C-alpha atoms as a PDB file:
ATOM      1  CA  MET A   1      24.384   0.033  15.919  1.00  0.00           C
ATOM      2  CA  ILE A   2      20.847  -0.912  16.293  1.00  0.00           C
ATOM      3  CA  LYS A   3      17.722  -1.048  13.788  1.00  0.00           C
ATOM      4  CA  TYR A   4      14.546   0.041  13.898  1.00  0.00           C
ATOM      5  CA  ARG A   5      11.244  -1.010  11.621  1.00  0.00           C
ATOM      6  CA  LEU A   6       8.840   1.965  11.502  1.00  0.00           C
ATOM      7  CA  LYS A   7       4.939   2.234  10.743  1.00  0.00           C
ATOM      8  CA  ILE A   8       4.162   5.584   8.998  1.00  0.00           C
ATOM      9  CA  THR A   9       0.746   7.061   7.121  1.00  0.00           C
ATOM     10  CA  LYS A  10       0.944   8.791   3.150  1.00  0.00           C
ATOM     11  CA  GLY A  11      -2.135  10.865   4.099  1.00  0.00           C
ATOM     12  CA  GLU A  12      -4.441  12.582   1.893  1.00  0.00           C
ATOM     13  CA  PRO A  13      -1.860  16.298   1.779  1.00  0.00           C
ATOM     14  CA  ILE A  14       0.635  14.007   0.170  1.00  0.00           C
ATOM     15  CA  ARG A  15      -1.178  11.344  -1.881  1.00  0.00           C
ATOM     16  CA  TYR A  16       0.032  13.340  -5.340  1.00  0.00           C
ATOM     17  CA  ILE A  17       3.460  12.932  -4.473  1.00  0.00           C
ATOM     18  CA  SER A  18       5.548  10.244  -5.789  1.00  0.00           C
ATOM     19  CA  HIS A  19       7.150   7.278  -4.342  1.00  0.00           C
ATOM     20  CA  LEU A  20      10.918   8.789  -5.065  1.00  0.00           C
ATOM     21  CA  ASP A  21       9.713  12.128  -3.512  1.00  0.00           C
ATOM     22  CA  PHE A  22       7.777  10.091  -0.487  1.00  0.00           C
ATOM     23  CA  ALA A  23      11.166   8.412   0.403  1.00  0.00           C
ATOM     24  CA  ALA A  24      13.403  11.672   0.290  1.00  0.00           C
ATOM     25  CA  LEU A  25      10.521  13.452   2.444  1.00  0.00           C
ATOM     26  CA  MET A  26      11.214  10.560   5.143  1.00  0.00           C
ATOM     27  CA  GLN A  27      15.240  10.991   4.570  1.00  0.00           C
ATOM     28  CA  ARG A  28      14.671  15.146   5.338  1.00  0.00           C
ATOM     29  CA  ALA A  29      12.365  14.071   8.405  1.00  0.00           C
ATOM     30  CA  ILE A  30      15.382  11.607   9.995  1.00  0.00           C
ATOM     31  CA  CYS A  31      17.414  14.571   9.333  1.00  0.00           C
ATOM     32  CA  ARG A  32      15.766  17.229  10.878  1.00  0.00           C
ATOM     33  CA  ALA A  33      15.340  14.597  13.988  1.00  0.00           C
ATOM     34  CA  HIS A  34      19.143  14.172  13.892  1.00  0.00           C
ATOM     35  CA  LEU A  35      18.696  10.920  14.052  1.00  0.00           C
ATOM     36  CA  PRO A  36      22.287   9.171  13.006  1.00  0.00           C
ATOM     37  CA  ALA A  37      21.009   6.728  10.340  1.00  0.00           C
ATOM     38  CA  ALA A  38      23.337   4.731   8.117  1.00  0.00           C
ATOM     39  CA  TYR A  39      21.622   5.115   5.064  1.00  0.00           C
ATOM     40  CA  SER A  40      24.143   3.173   2.601  1.00  0.00           C
ATOM     41  CA  GLU A  41      23.847   0.066   4.926  1.00  0.00           C
ATOM     42  CA  GLY A  42      20.375   0.073   6.194  1.00  0.00           C
ATOM     43  CA  PHE A  43      18.081   2.763   4.777  1.00  0.00           C
ATOM     44  CA  ASN A  44      15.145   1.175   3.323  1.00  0.00           C
ATOM     45  CA  PRO A  45      12.111   3.572   3.107  1.00  0.00           C
ATOM     46  CA  HIS A  46       9.120   1.333   1.449  1.00  0.00           C
ATOM     47  CA  ALA A  47       8.160  -2.384   1.609  1.00  0.00           C
ATOM     48  CA  SER A  48       6.496  -2.228  -1.734  1.00  0.00           C
ATOM     49  CA  ALA A  49       6.280   0.883  -4.042  1.00  0.00           C
ATOM     50  CA  LEU A  50       2.459   3.107  -3.332  1.00  0.00           C
ATOM     51  CA  SER A  51       1.513   4.397  -6.628  1.00  0.00           C
ATOM     52  CA  VAL A  52       1.079   8.135  -6.976  1.00  0.00           C
ATOM     53  CA  GLY A  53      -2.336   9.164  -5.683  1.00  0.00           C
ATOM     54  CA  ILE A  54      -3.281   6.460  -3.754  1.00  0.00           C
ATOM     55  CA  THR A  55      -3.248   6.842   0.606  1.00  0.00           C
ATOM     56  CA  SER A  56      -1.996   4.444   2.524  1.00  0.00           C
ATOM     57  CA  THR A  57      -2.354   3.589   6.803  1.00  0.00           C
ATOM     58  CA  CYS A  58       0.380   1.227   6.609  1.00  0.00           C
ATOM     59  CA  GLU A  59       3.443   2.391   5.068  1.00  0.00           C
ATOM     60  CA  TYR A  60       6.812   0.574   6.463  1.00  0.00           C
ATOM     61  CA  MET A  61      10.710   1.497   6.199  1.00  0.00           C
ATOM     62  CA  ASP A  62      13.842   0.289   8.332  1.00  0.00           C
ATOM     63  CA  LEU A  63      16.274   2.494   9.992  1.00  0.00           C
ATOM     64  CA  GLU A  64      19.525   1.584  11.010  1.00  0.00           C
ATOM     65  CA  LEU A  65      21.419   3.981  13.151  1.00  0.00           C
ATOM     66  CA  LYS A  66      25.338   4.219  14.006  1.00  0.00           C
ATOM     67  CA  LYS A  67      24.553   4.907  17.402  1.00  0.00           C
ATOM     68  CA  ASP A  68      22.071   3.302  19.554  1.00  0.00           C
ATOM     69  CA  VAL A  69      18.913   5.003  20.620  1.00  0.00           C
ATOM     70  CA  CYS A  70      16.237   4.094  22.730  1.00  0.00           C
ATOM     71  CA  GLN A  71      12.988   3.777  20.974  1.00  0.00           C
ATOM     72  CA  PRO A  72      10.962   6.129  22.970  1.00  0.00           C
ATOM     73  CA  GLU A  73      13.325   8.727  22.100  1.00  0.00           C
ATOM     74  CA  VAL A  74      13.144   7.708  18.257  1.00  0.00           C
ATOM     75  CA  PHE A  75       9.726   7.758  18.203  1.00  0.00           C
ATOM     76  CA  ASP A  76       9.513  11.280  20.017  1.00  0.00           C
ATOM     77  CA  ARG A  77      12.017  13.098  17.968  1.00  0.00           C
ATOM     78  CA  LEU A  78      10.723  11.609  14.679  1.00  0.00           C
ATOM     79  CA  ARG A  79       7.133  12.580  15.381  1.00  0.00           C
ATOM     80  CA  ALA A  80       7.864  15.946  15.962  1.00  0.00           C
ATOM     81  CA  VAL A  81       9.303  16.809  12.792  1.00  0.00           C
ATOM     82  CA  LEU A  82       7.323  14.877   9.984  1.00  0.00           C
ATOM     83  CA  PRO A  83       4.770  16.834   8.168  1.00  0.00           C
ATOM     84  CA  PRO A  84       1.193  16.808   7.426  1.00  0.00           C
ATOM     85  CA  GLY A  85       0.084  14.128   6.165  1.00  0.00           C
ATOM     86  CA  VAL A  86       2.856  11.327   7.611  1.00  0.00           C
ATOM     87  CA  GLU A  87       1.987  10.046  10.710  1.00  0.00           C
ATOM     88  CA  LEU A  88       3.874   8.184  12.923  1.00  0.00           C
ATOM     89  CA  LEU A  89       2.263   4.969  14.161  1.00  0.00           C
ATOM     90  CA  GLN A  90       4.776   2.260  15.677  1.00  0.00           C
ATOM     91  CA  VAL A  91       8.541   1.800  16.209  1.00  0.00           C
ATOM     92  CA  LYS A  92       9.853  -1.585  17.291  1.00  0.00           C
ATOM     93  CA  GLN A  93      13.506  -2.869  17.350  1.00  0.00           C
ATOM     94  CA  ILE A  94      14.209  -5.575  14.941  1.00  0.00           C
ATOM     95  CA  ASP A  95      17.211  -7.833  14.323  1.00  0.00           C
ATOM     96  CA  MET A  96      19.811  -6.404  12.543  1.00  0.00           C
ATOM     97  CA  ARG A  97      19.849  -9.845  10.423  1.00  0.00           C
ATOM     98  CA  SER A  98      16.243  -8.856   9.290  1.00  0.00           C
ATOM     99  CA  LYS A  99      15.569  -9.696   5.428  1.00  0.00           C
ATOM    100  CA  ALA A 100      14.332  -6.405   3.506  1.00  0.00           C
ATOM    101  CA  LEU A 101      11.458  -4.839   3.448  1.00  0.00           C
ATOM    102  CA  MET A 102      11.028  -5.580  -0.247  1.00  0.00           C
ATOM    103  CA  SER A 103      12.434  -9.597  -0.092  1.00  0.00           C
ATOM    104  CA  ILE A 104       9.361 -10.434   2.293  1.00  0.00           C
ATOM    105  CA  VAL A 105       5.893  -8.263   2.046  1.00  0.00           C
ATOM    106  CA  ASP A 106       3.648 -10.350  -0.401  1.00  0.00           C
ATOM    107  CA  GLU A 107      -0.040  -9.455  -0.133  1.00  0.00           C
ATOM    108  CA  GLY A 108      -1.579  -5.927   0.695  1.00  0.00           C
ATOM    109  CA  SER A 109      -5.402  -4.988   1.434  1.00  0.00           C
ATOM    110  CA  TYR A 110      -6.806  -1.771  -0.125  1.00  0.00           C
ATOM    111  CA  GLU A 111     -10.006  -0.280   0.602  1.00  0.00           C
ATOM    112  CA  ILE A 112     -11.294   1.756  -2.101  1.00  0.00           C
ATOM    113  CA  LYS A 113     -14.633   4.549  -2.033  1.00  0.00           C
ATOM    114  CA  LEU A 114     -16.112   5.934  -5.049  1.00  0.00           C
ATOM    115  CA  PRO A 115     -19.568   7.305  -5.877  1.00  0.00           C
ATOM    116  CA  LEU A 116     -22.264   5.135  -6.070  1.00  0.00           C
ATOM    117  CA  SER A 117     -22.564   5.123  -9.950  1.00  0.00           C
ATOM    118  CA  ASP A 118     -25.064   2.044 -10.479  1.00  0.00           C
ATOM    119  CA  ASP A 119     -27.805   0.317  -9.096  1.00  0.00           C
ATOM    120  CA  PHE A 120     -26.801  -1.071  -5.773  1.00  0.00           C
ATOM    121  CA  ASP A 121     -28.556  -5.071  -6.945  1.00  0.00           C
ATOM    122  CA  LYS A 122     -26.456  -4.654 -10.295  1.00  0.00           C
ATOM    123  CA  ILE A 123     -23.295  -3.620  -8.522  1.00  0.00           C
ATOM    124  CA  GLN A 124     -23.601  -6.817  -6.417  1.00  0.00           C
ATOM    125  CA  HIS A 125     -24.716  -9.424  -9.199  1.00  0.00           C
ATOM    126  CA  SER A 126     -21.437  -7.866 -10.792  1.00  0.00           C
ATOM    127  CA  ILE A 127     -19.254  -8.263  -7.925  1.00  0.00           C
ATOM    128  CA  GLU A 128     -20.449 -11.535  -6.866  1.00  0.00           C
ATOM    129  CA  THR A 129     -19.992 -12.738 -10.541  1.00  0.00           C
ATOM    130  CA  PHE A 130     -16.536 -11.167 -10.494  1.00  0.00           C
ATOM    131  CA  ASN A 131     -15.220 -13.053  -7.490  1.00  0.00           C
ATOM    132  CA  LYS A 132     -17.026 -17.080  -8.751  1.00  0.00           C
ATOM    133  CA  THR A 133     -15.367 -16.158 -12.321  1.00  0.00           C
ATOM    134  CA  ALA A 134     -11.738 -18.650 -12.229  1.00  0.00           C
ATOM    135  CA  GLN A 135      -9.802 -16.429 -14.657  1.00  0.00           C
ATOM    136  CA  ILE A 136      -9.942 -12.787 -15.712  1.00  0.00           C
ATOM    137  CA  ILE A 137      -7.944 -11.394 -18.106  1.00  0.00           C
ATOM    138  CA  ILE A 138      -6.968  -7.452 -18.582  1.00  0.00           C
ATOM    139  CA  THR A 139      -4.903  -5.989 -21.137  1.00  0.00           C
ATOM    140  CA  ARG A 140      -1.811  -3.531 -19.741  1.00  0.00           C
ATOM    141  CA  GLU A 141      -0.562  -1.064 -21.651  1.00  0.00           C
ATOM    142  CA  THR A 142       2.671   0.951 -21.775  1.00  0.00           C
ATOM    143  CA  PRO A 143       4.208   2.753 -23.604  1.00  0.00           C
ATOM    144  CA  LYS A 144       6.406   0.572 -24.687  1.00  0.00           C
ATOM    145  CA  LYS A 145       4.284  -2.853 -24.882  1.00  0.00           C
ATOM    146  CA  ARG A 146       0.971  -4.247 -24.902  1.00  0.00           C
ATOM    147  CA  LYS A 147       0.466  -7.322 -21.849  1.00  0.00           C
ATOM    148  CA  GLU A 148      -2.314  -9.532 -21.354  1.00  0.00           C
ATOM    149  CA  ILE A 149      -2.379 -10.694 -17.632  1.00  0.00           C
ATOM    150  CA  GLU A 150      -4.719 -13.116 -15.804  1.00  0.00           C
ATOM    151  CA  ILE A 151      -5.655 -11.013 -12.696  1.00  0.00           C
ATOM    152  CA  LYS A 152      -7.716 -13.794 -10.350  1.00  0.00           C
ATOM    153  CA  GLN A 153      -4.171 -15.016  -9.390  1.00  0.00           C
ATOM    154  CA  TYR A 154      -3.472 -11.586  -7.564  1.00  0.00           C
ATOM    155  CA  LEU A 155      -6.683 -12.244  -5.567  1.00  0.00           C
ATOM    156  CA  PRO A 156      -6.221 -14.698  -2.861  1.00  0.00           C
ATOM    157  CA  LYS A 157      -9.789 -13.422  -1.461  1.00  0.00           C
ATOM    158  CA  LYS A 158     -13.710 -12.194  -2.672  1.00  0.00           C
ATOM    159  CA  ILE A 159     -14.012  -8.678  -3.241  1.00  0.00           C
ATOM    160  CA  THR A 160     -16.209  -7.617  -0.516  1.00  0.00           C
ATOM    161  CA  PHE A 161     -18.211  -4.067  -0.647  1.00  0.00           C
ATOM    162  CA  THR A 162     -20.851  -1.751   0.876  1.00  0.00           C
ATOM    163  CA  ALA A 163     -22.564   0.773   0.547  1.00  0.00           C
ATOM    164  CA  GLU A 164     -24.110   4.004   2.673  1.00  0.00           C
ATOM    165  CA  ASN A 165     -24.696   7.283   1.618  1.00  0.00           C
ATOM    166  CA  SER A 166     -24.267   7.082  -1.828  1.00  0.00           C
ATOM    167  CA  VAL A 167     -21.171   5.898  -1.858  1.00  0.00           C
ATOM    168  CA  LEU A 168     -19.633   2.408  -2.545  1.00  0.00           C
ATOM    169  CA  LYS A 169     -17.097   0.870  -0.784  1.00  0.00           C
ATOM    170  CA  LEU A 170     -14.934  -2.076  -1.463  1.00  0.00           C
ATOM    171  CA  GLN A 171     -12.107  -3.988  -0.088  1.00  0.00           C
ATOM    172  CA  LEU A 172      -9.709  -6.273  -1.342  1.00  0.00           C
ATOM    173  CA  ASN A 173      -6.274  -7.947  -1.184  1.00  0.00           C
ATOM    174  CA  ILE A 174      -3.824  -8.236  -3.713  1.00  0.00           C
ATOM    175  CA  LYS A 175      -0.904 -11.038  -4.040  1.00  0.00           C
ATOM    176  CA  ILE A 176       2.543  -9.237  -4.661  1.00  0.00           C
ATOM    177  CA  THR A 177       4.947 -11.588  -5.961  1.00  0.00           C
ATOM    178  CA  SER A 178       8.083 -11.678  -7.623  1.00  0.00           C
ATOM    179  CA  THR A 179       6.693 -12.558 -10.986  1.00  0.00           C
ATOM    180  CA  GLY A 180       4.342  -9.287 -10.645  1.00  0.00           C
ATOM    181  CA  THR A 181       1.043  -7.989  -9.076  1.00  0.00           C
ATOM    182  CA  VAL A 182      -1.924  -6.142 -10.459  1.00  0.00           C
ATOM    183  CA  LYS A 183      -2.978  -2.637  -9.365  1.00  0.00           C
ATOM    184  CA  PRO A 184      -6.158  -1.718  -7.680  1.00  0.00           C
ATOM    185  CA  SER A 185      -7.323   0.556 -10.488  1.00  0.00           C
ATOM    186  CA  GLU A 186      -6.946  -2.198 -13.055  1.00  0.00           C
ATOM    187  CA  VAL A 187      -9.623  -4.220 -10.492  1.00  0.00           C
ATOM    188  CA  LEU A 188     -11.977  -1.230 -11.173  1.00  0.00           C
ATOM    189  CA  GLU A 189     -11.580  -1.273 -14.805  1.00  0.00           C
ATOM    190  CA  ALA A 190     -11.904  -5.105 -14.929  1.00  0.00           C
ATOM    191  CA  LEU A 191     -15.274  -4.631 -13.172  1.00  0.00           C
ATOM    192  CA  ASN A 192     -16.433  -2.348 -15.631  1.00  0.00           C
ATOM    193  CA  ASP A 193     -14.631  -3.617 -18.790  1.00  0.00           C
ATOM    194  CA  ASN A 194     -15.792  -7.427 -17.997  1.00  0.00           C
ATOM    195  CA  PHE A 195     -18.799  -7.305 -16.069  1.00  0.00           C
ATOM    196  CA  GLN A 196     -21.000  -4.623 -17.226  1.00  0.00           C
ATOM    197  CA  LEU A 197     -20.311  -1.982 -14.581  1.00  0.00           C
ATOM    198  CA  SER A 198     -19.641   1.417 -14.903  1.00  0.00           C
ATOM    199  CA  LEU A 199     -17.598   2.376 -11.717  1.00  0.00           C
ATOM    200  CA  PRO A 200     -15.650   5.922 -11.980  1.00  0.00           C
ATOM    201  CA  VAL A 201     -12.700   4.852 -11.695  1.00  0.00           C
ATOM    202  CA  LYS A 202     -10.779   8.271 -12.091  1.00  0.00           C
ATOM    203  CA  GLU A 203     -12.800   9.225  -8.652  1.00  0.00           C
ATOM    204  CA  ALA A 204     -12.001   6.519  -6.646  1.00  0.00           C
ATOM    205  CA  LEU A 205      -9.842   7.268  -3.314  1.00  0.00           C
ATOM    206  CA  ILE A 206      -7.917   4.240  -2.565  1.00  0.00           C
ATOM    207  CA  CYS A 207      -6.061   3.394   0.518  1.00  0.00           C
ATOM    208  CA  ARG A 208      -3.928   0.932   1.359  1.00  0.00           C
ATOM    209  CA  THR A 209      -4.566  -0.492   4.938  1.00  0.00           C
ATOM    210  CA  GLY A 210      -2.244  -3.456   5.397  1.00  0.00           C
ATOM    211  CA  LEU A 211       0.753  -4.804   4.202  1.00  0.00           C
ATOM    212  CA  TYR A 212       1.568  -8.615   5.311  1.00  0.00           C
ATOM    213  CA  HIS A 213       4.291 -11.241   5.414  1.00  0.00           C
ATOM    214  CA  GLN A 214       2.559 -14.788   5.068  1.00  0.00           C
ATOM    215  CA  GLY A 215      -0.326 -13.335   6.700  1.00  0.00           C
ATOM    216  CA  LYS A 216       1.141 -11.117   9.520  1.00  0.00           C
ATOM    217  CA  ASN A 217       1.751  -7.114   9.446  1.00  0.00           C
ATOM    218  CA  LEU A 218       5.662  -6.791   8.668  1.00  0.00           C
ATOM    219  CA  ILE A 219       6.137  -4.882  11.849  1.00  0.00           C
ATOM    220  CA  ASP A 220       5.370  -8.044  13.104  1.00  0.00           C
ATOM    221  CA  ASN A 221       7.935 -10.182  11.191  1.00  0.00           C
ATOM    222  CA  ASP A 222      11.348  -8.876  11.926  1.00  0.00           C
END
């Protein structure tokens, strides 16, 4: 038995497939690669579920094999059968006793690109005010309930931003906790609703750029 942690991407061609469909896609790829996966014992296709429409340069999955296969062979065989939109970036052998990815991930980083819809000075003032505000309450609505959430508790760092060629680019980190988290789109909506911006949230291109445990990326936490 041997266990590997994989780092993969979820690119533009598959940004609109669901989390479950993405997991199934990876399962089919592992089958096509003829890797002896022990699905029931150790297949863990995600660290933190990615919302539909969001791309990622840093998805992780743990793969437990019933027979030993060397790391270069796993990398080459799996990379050869992955569909467009999925790129295998790294394969690392980890301890069989390593904790499940979902139990260790505690933070994610994101890059958001969207059309520059407001005056840059206005955006700068609004984001700086957002960063200085101690508490920001949003209302999260689902088909079953309506709930107020304080989102600054989930934002460990200031939002940073740049603008170039009529494109606004935001970078933010979000905590992932046992009691909850916040979505990047909810942060954008809070900027609009509470800080007088008119960001085109529906046009935002959101990419997850990192997943971490205690400040380290998940491939280094085994």
